[in-house]
């Protein structure tokens, strides 16, 4: 029997760039979750096997810091810039490690998602083009 996917079943890591990371043990679950998240209004930015991640594919999803003449990336085991990583691929790997510590399975396949956005209702106080991020974990219904 096929198990229904829900947001409560998924663990997410906030990449602090406007993207969230989640992981799955196999491709079938990752693909099913991607379909479910799309139905919920999320945008799938990246889906790949964790061992096949390339720097050029993920540098825009991880948090970076400019320091003097170098660019370093967030180590997600720490909240600030301590032990920053030299490249985005290593940074994403630390996010996967934190995700695996918080979940019951290994993240063999990873999804980077952009949370859903909803347009704010037009009011006299807010311009029509303002968008407000929906609270995390909430679904429209």
Protein backbone atom coordinates (compact mmCIF):
# COMPACT_ATOMS: atom_id res chain seq x y z
CA UNK A 1 0.00 0.00 0.00
CA UNK A 2 1.36 3.41 -0.98
CA UNK A 3 1.89 5.77 1.94
CA UNK A 4 0.52 9.31 1.61
CA UNK A 5 3.10 12.07 1.83
CA UNK A 6 2.57 14.98 4.24
CA UNK A 7 4.57 17.97 5.43
CA UNK A 8 4.62 16.53 8.94
CA UNK A 9 6.55 13.49 7.63
CA UNK A 10 9.30 15.65 6.13
CA UNK A 11 12.22 17.22 7.92
CA UNK A 12 13.60 20.45 6.52
CA UNK A 13 16.79 22.43 7.03
CA UNK A 14 16.57 26.18 6.49
CA UNK A 15 19.49 27.09 4.23
CA UNK A 16 19.02 30.76 5.20
CA UNK A 17 18.88 31.81 1.55
CA UNK A 18 15.14 31.51 0.98
CA UNK A 19 15.46 27.76 0.28
CA UNK A 20 14.83 24.65 2.36
CA UNK A 21 16.61 21.30 2.13
CA UNK A 22 14.99 17.93 2.64
CA UNK A 23 16.24 14.43 1.90
CA UNK A 24 15.02 10.91 1.16
CA UNK A 25 16.43 7.40 1.20
CA UNK A 26 15.41 6.60 -2.39
CA UNK A 27 14.43 8.30 -5.63
CA UNK A 28 10.82 7.12 -5.56
CA UNK A 29 10.17 8.86 -2.23
CA UNK A 30 12.00 12.00 -3.37
CA UNK A 31 9.97 12.14 -6.58
CA UNK A 32 6.67 11.56 -4.74
CA UNK A 33 7.58 14.30 -2.26
CA UNK A 34 8.44 16.67 -5.11
CA UNK A 35 5.00 16.12 -6.65
CA UNK A 36 3.32 16.63 -3.28
CA UNK A 37 5.30 19.81 -2.55
CA UNK A 38 4.42 21.23 -5.97
CA UNK A 39 0.74 20.55 -5.26
CA UNK A 40 1.15 22.49 -2.01
CA UNK A 41 2.57 25.52 -3.84
CA UNK A 42 6.28 24.94 -3.26
CA UNK A 43 8.78 25.25 -6.10
CA UNK A 44 11.36 22.51 -6.57
CA UNK A 45 14.69 24.19 -7.22
CA UNK A 46 16.93 21.12 -7.17
CA UNK A 47 16.57 17.32 -7.01
CA UNK A 48 19.61 15.07 -7.22
CA UNK A 49 21.46 12.21 -5.62
CA UNK A 50 23.49 13.66 -2.73
CA UNK A 51 26.70 12.04 -3.97
CA UNK A 52 26.36 13.68 -7.41
CA UNK A 53 26.07 17.32 -6.34
CA UNK A 54 28.19 19.77 -8.34
CA UNK A 55 29.42 23.14 -7.13
CA UNK A 56 27.95 25.00 -10.09
CA UNK A 57 24.50 23.52 -9.39
CA UNK A 58 24.19 24.49 -5.73
CA UNK A 59 26.18 27.65 -5.01
CA UNK A 60 23.08 29.84 -5.15
CA UNK A 61 21.18 27.75 -2.56
CA UNK A 62 23.74 27.87 0.25
CA UNK A 63 24.51 30.87 2.43
CA UNK A 64 27.75 32.63 1.61
CA UNK A 65 29.92 35.18 3.39
CA UNK A 66 32.28 37.65 1.78
CA UNK A 67 35.45 38.05 3.86
CA UNK A 68 38.30 40.21 2.57
CA UNK A 69 39.13 38.66 -0.79
CA UNK A 70 37.53 35.25 -0.23
CA UNK A 71 34.02 33.85 -0.34
CA UNK A 72 33.08 31.24 2.25
CA UNK A 73 29.93 29.21 2.75
CA UNK A 74 27.83 28.35 5.80
CA UNK A 75 28.71 25.33 7.90
CA UNK A 76 25.19 24.30 8.97
CA UNK A 77 26.46 22.58 12.12
CA UNK A 78 26.95 26.12 13.48
CA UNK A 79 24.68 29.16 13.52
CA UNK A 80 27.20 31.83 12.61
CA UNK A 81 30.29 31.91 10.42
CA UNK A 82 32.34 29.52 12.57
CA UNK A 83 34.18 26.88 10.58
CA UNK A 84 32.86 28.22 7.27
CA UNK A 85 33.42 26.01 4.23
CA UNK A 86 35.49 26.85 1.16
CA UNK A 87 32.79 25.91 -1.34
CA UNK A 88 29.03 25.51 -1.66
CA UNK A 89 29.21 21.75 -2.17
CA UNK A 90 30.88 21.26 1.22
CA UNK A 91 28.36 23.64 2.76
CA UNK A 92 25.42 21.64 1.38
CA UNK A 93 27.07 18.48 2.70
CA UNK A 94 27.01 19.93 6.24
CA UNK A 95 23.31 20.74 5.78
CA UNK A 96 22.71 17.10 4.75
CA UNK A 97 24.56 15.91 7.86
CA UNK A 98 22.37 18.07 10.10
CA UNK A 99 19.27 16.80 8.28
CA UNK A 100 20.33 13.17 8.80
CA UNK A 101 20.95 13.83 12.50
CA UNK A 102 17.36 15.06 12.82
CA UNK A 103 15.70 12.29 10.82
CA UNK A 104 15.57 8.53 10.90
CA UNK A 105 17.04 7.90 7.46
CA UNK A 106 20.03 8.76 5.31
CA UNK A 107 19.48 11.52 2.76
CA UNK A 108 20.62 9.73 -0.39
CA UNK A 109 18.46 12.00 -2.59
CA UNK A 110 18.06 15.67 -1.76
CA UNK A 111 15.47 18.27 -2.66
CA UNK A 112 16.03 22.01 -2.42
CA UNK A 113 12.67 23.75 -2.30
CA UNK A 114 11.48 27.31 -2.32
CA UNK A 115 8.63 27.85 0.16
CA UNK A 116 5.25 28.83 -1.15
CA UNK A 117 4.43 32.48 -1.58
CA UNK A 118 1.02 34.03 -1.47
CA UNK A 119 0.01 37.43 -2.73
CA UNK A 120 -1.09 39.80 -0.01
CA UNK A 121 -4.64 41.06 -0.39
CA UNK A 122 -4.91 44.58 -1.78
CA UNK A 123 -5.43 47.11 0.98
CA UNK A 124 -5.03 50.83 1.31
CA UNK A 125 -1.85 50.31 3.38
CA UNK A 126 0.01 47.82 1.16
CA UNK A 127 1.01 48.09 -2.49
CA UNK A 128 -0.47 45.44 -4.78
CA UNK A 129 2.92 43.92 -5.68
CA UNK A 130 3.87 42.88 -2.13
CA UNK A 131 4.24 39.13 -1.61
CA UNK A 132 4.26 37.52 1.80
CA UNK A 133 5.76 34.12 2.54
CA UNK A 134 3.24 31.72 4.03
CA UNK A 135 4.12 30.38 7.49
CA UNK A 136 6.30 27.31 7.25
CA UNK A 137 4.38 24.07 7.54
CA UNK A 138 1.03 25.70 6.83
CA UNK A 139 -0.90 24.69 3.77
CA UNK A 140 -3.68 26.50 2.07
CA UNK A 141 -6.92 24.64 2.24
